[in-house]
């Protein structure tokens, strides 16, 4: 997402990137956050990881930065493991897979 794309977004929009680092121009996002055009941002992926201490987003206003493993908890890990077992059982039993891509 380039600076031009950020400028075309509605004033007050919020940017969320939890997919791939490098998709968002981080410098342009920091500038859009400082100007107030973008109201906030939440990111857990970055062009460079780990995020350097002096990175422009670290002091950008209204920004949440987390490591890409922020989803991890005892509950979520158990749910992922249970889901993997359930899918394996369905496949071994010849049942249709629910989330086949």
C-alpha atoms as a PDB file:
ATOM      1  CA  UNK A   1       0.000   0.000   0.000  1.00  0.00           C
ATOM      2  CA  UNK A   2       1.804   3.066  -1.244  1.00  0.00           C
ATOM      3  CA  UNK A   3       1.591   6.636  -0.069  1.00  0.00           C
ATOM      4  CA  UNK A   4      -0.678   7.377  -3.035  1.00  0.00           C
ATOM      5  CA  UNK A   5      -3.081   4.638  -1.967  1.00  0.00           C
ATOM      6  CA  UNK A   6      -3.076   5.884   1.629  1.00  0.00           C
ATOM      7  CA  UNK A   7      -3.921   9.403   0.410  1.00  0.00           C
ATOM      8  CA  UNK A   8      -6.881   8.042  -1.578  1.00  0.00           C
ATOM      9  CA  UNK A   9      -8.293   6.355   1.509  1.00  0.00           C
ATOM     10  CA  UNK A  10     -11.099   8.108   3.351  1.00  0.00           C
ATOM     11  CA  UNK A  11      -9.836  10.444   6.073  1.00  0.00           C
ATOM     12  CA  UNK A  12     -10.094   8.654   9.406  1.00  0.00           C
ATOM     13  CA  UNK A  13      -9.584   5.155   7.971  1.00  0.00           C
ATOM     14  CA  UNK A  14      -7.745   2.517   9.974  1.00  0.00           C
ATOM     15  CA  UNK A  15      -5.052   0.324   8.398  1.00  0.00           C
ATOM     16  CA  UNK A  16      -4.660  -3.284   9.537  1.00  0.00           C
ATOM     17  CA  UNK A  17      -1.946  -5.560   8.139  1.00  0.00           C
ATOM     18  CA  UNK A  18      -1.658  -9.051   9.545  1.00  0.00           C
ATOM     19  CA  UNK A  19      -0.793 -10.783   6.286  1.00  0.00           C
ATOM     20  CA  UNK A  20       2.620  -9.911   4.839  1.00  0.00           C
ATOM     21  CA  UNK A  21       5.355  -7.462   5.699  1.00  0.00           C
ATOM     22  CA  UNK A  22       6.246  -5.103   2.904  1.00  0.00           C
ATOM     23  CA  UNK A  23       2.666  -4.703   1.654  1.00  0.00           C
ATOM     24  CA  UNK A  24       2.416  -1.340   3.372  1.00  0.00           C
ATOM     25  CA  UNK A  25       4.845   1.515   2.760  1.00  0.00           C
ATOM     26  CA  UNK A  26       5.719   1.954   6.419  1.00  0.00           C
ATOM     27  CA  UNK A  27       7.235   5.435   6.018  1.00  0.00           C
ATOM     28  CA  UNK A  28       4.133   6.665   4.176  1.00  0.00           C
ATOM     29  CA  UNK A  29       1.871   5.091   6.812  1.00  0.00           C
ATOM     30  CA  UNK A  30       3.773   6.820   9.621  1.00  0.00           C
ATOM     31  CA  UNK A  31       3.404  10.153   7.807  1.00  0.00           C
ATOM     32  CA  UNK A  32      -0.332   9.563   7.234  1.00  0.00           C
ATOM     33  CA  UNK A  33      -0.777   8.732  10.927  1.00  0.00           C
ATOM     34  CA  UNK A  34       1.116  11.855  12.021  1.00  0.00           C
ATOM     35  CA  UNK A  35      -0.904  14.073   9.683  1.00  0.00           C
ATOM     36  CA  UNK A  36      -4.157  12.570  10.971  1.00  0.00           C
ATOM     37  CA  UNK A  37      -5.294  11.402   7.541  1.00  0.00           C
ATOM     38  CA  UNK A  38      -5.137   7.799   8.763  1.00  0.00           C
ATOM     39  CA  UNK A  39      -6.770   7.512  12.204  1.00  0.00           C
ATOM     40  CA  UNK A  40      -4.933   4.408  13.354  1.00  0.00           C
ATOM     41  CA  UNK A  41      -2.997   1.316  12.400  1.00  0.00           C
ATOM     42  CA  UNK A  42      -2.534  -2.215  13.726  1.00  0.00           C
ATOM     43  CA  UNK A  43       0.289  -4.312  12.321  1.00  0.00           C
ATOM     44  CA  UNK A  44       1.953  -7.575  13.226  1.00  0.00           C
ATOM     45  CA  UNK A  45       4.101  -7.953  10.112  1.00  0.00           C
ATOM     46  CA  UNK A  46       6.812  -5.614   8.885  1.00  0.00           C
ATOM     47  CA  UNK A  47       9.217  -5.260   5.974  1.00  0.00           C
ATOM     48  CA  UNK A  48      12.096  -5.854   8.397  1.00  0.00           C
ATOM     49  CA  UNK A  49      11.717  -8.147  11.386  1.00  0.00           C
ATOM     50  CA  UNK A  50      12.354  -7.784  14.168  1.00  0.00           C
ATOM     51  CA  UNK A  51      11.270  -4.174  13.925  1.00  0.00           C
ATOM     52  CA  UNK A  52      14.313  -1.942  14.562  1.00  0.00           C
ATOM     53  CA  UNK A  53      14.228   0.212  17.710  1.00  0.00           C
ATOM     54  CA  UNK A  54      14.420   3.416  15.660  1.00  0.00           C
ATOM     55  CA  UNK A  55      11.674   2.423  13.173  1.00  0.00           C
ATOM     56  CA  UNK A  56       9.317   5.265  12.141  1.00  0.00           C
ATOM     57  CA  UNK A  57       6.194   3.383  13.209  1.00  0.00           C
ATOM     58  CA  UNK A  58       7.384   2.917  16.796  1.00  0.00           C
ATOM     59  CA  UNK A  59       6.425   6.480  17.726  1.00  0.00           C
ATOM     60  CA  UNK A  60       3.577   6.977  15.247  1.00  0.00           C
ATOM     61  CA  UNK A  61       0.327   7.977  16.980  1.00  0.00           C
ATOM     62  CA  UNK A  62      -2.614   5.593  17.338  1.00  0.00           C
ATOM     63  CA  UNK A  63      -0.583   2.569  16.314  1.00  0.00           C
ATOM     64  CA  UNK A  64      -0.594  -0.964  17.694  1.00  0.00           C
ATOM     65  CA  UNK A  65       2.480  -3.057  16.833  1.00  0.00           C
ATOM     66  CA  UNK A  66       2.671  -6.704  17.852  1.00  0.00           C
ATOM     67  CA  UNK A  67       4.807  -9.661  16.833  1.00  0.00           C
ATOM     68  CA  UNK A  68       3.210 -11.975  14.287  1.00  0.00           C
ATOM     69  CA  UNK A  69       2.608 -14.542  17.029  1.00  0.00           C
ATOM     70  CA  UNK A  70       0.249 -12.250  18.971  1.00  0.00           C
ATOM     71  CA  UNK A  71      -2.568 -14.755  18.329  1.00  0.00           C
ATOM     72  CA  UNK A  72      -0.837 -17.380  20.441  1.00  0.00           C
ATOM     73  CA  UNK A  73      -2.403 -18.330  23.739  1.00  0.00           C
ATOM     74  CA  UNK A  74      -3.071 -21.586  25.577  1.00  0.00           C
ATOM     75  CA  UNK A  75      -6.640 -21.513  24.258  1.00  0.00           C
ATOM     76  CA  UNK A  76      -5.750 -20.787  20.634  1.00  0.00           C
ATOM     77  CA  UNK A  77      -2.932 -23.335  20.552  1.00  0.00           C
ATOM     78  CA  UNK A  78      -5.281 -26.034  21.883  1.00  0.00           C
ATOM     79  CA  UNK A  79      -7.934 -25.062  19.336  1.00  0.00           C
ATOM     80  CA  UNK A  80      -5.408 -25.304  16.490  1.00  0.00           C
ATOM     81  CA  UNK A  81      -4.261 -28.725  17.638  1.00  0.00           C
ATOM     82  CA  UNK A  82      -7.846 -29.969  18.098  1.00  0.00           C
ATOM     83  CA  UNK A  83      -8.727 -28.678  14.641  1.00  0.00           C
ATOM     84  CA  UNK A  84      -5.778 -30.471  13.041  1.00  0.00           C
ATOM     85  CA  UNK A  85      -6.772 -33.752  14.701  1.00  0.00           C
ATOM     86  CA  UNK A  86     -10.418 -33.326  13.663  1.00  0.00           C
ATOM     87  CA  UNK A  87      -9.403 -32.691  10.037  1.00  0.00           C
ATOM     88  CA  UNK A  88      -7.112 -35.729  10.009  1.00  0.00           C
ATOM     89  CA  UNK A  89      -9.912 -37.899  11.398  1.00  0.00           C
ATOM     90  CA  UNK A  90     -12.354 -36.647   8.754  1.00  0.00           C
ATOM     91  CA  UNK A  91      -9.829 -37.339   5.987  1.00  0.00           C
ATOM     92  CA  UNK A  92      -9.053 -40.841   7.299  1.00  0.00           C
ATOM     93  CA  UNK A  93     -12.772 -41.605   7.599  1.00  0.00           C
ATOM     94  CA  UNK A  94     -13.361 -40.499   3.999  1.00  0.00           C
ATOM     95  CA  UNK A  95     -15.569 -37.624   5.101  1.00  0.00           C
ATOM     96  CA  UNK A  96     -15.538 -34.334   3.170  1.00  0.00           C
ATOM     97  CA  UNK A  97     -13.105 -31.738   4.478  1.00  0.00           C
ATOM     98  CA  UNK A  98     -14.882 -28.595   5.613  1.00  0.00           C
ATOM     99  CA  UNK A  99     -12.253 -26.058   4.603  1.00  0.00           C
ATOM    100  CA  UNK A 100     -10.699 -27.635   1.536  1.00  0.00           C
ATOM    101  CA  UNK A 101      -9.064 -25.054  -0.727  1.00  0.00           C
END
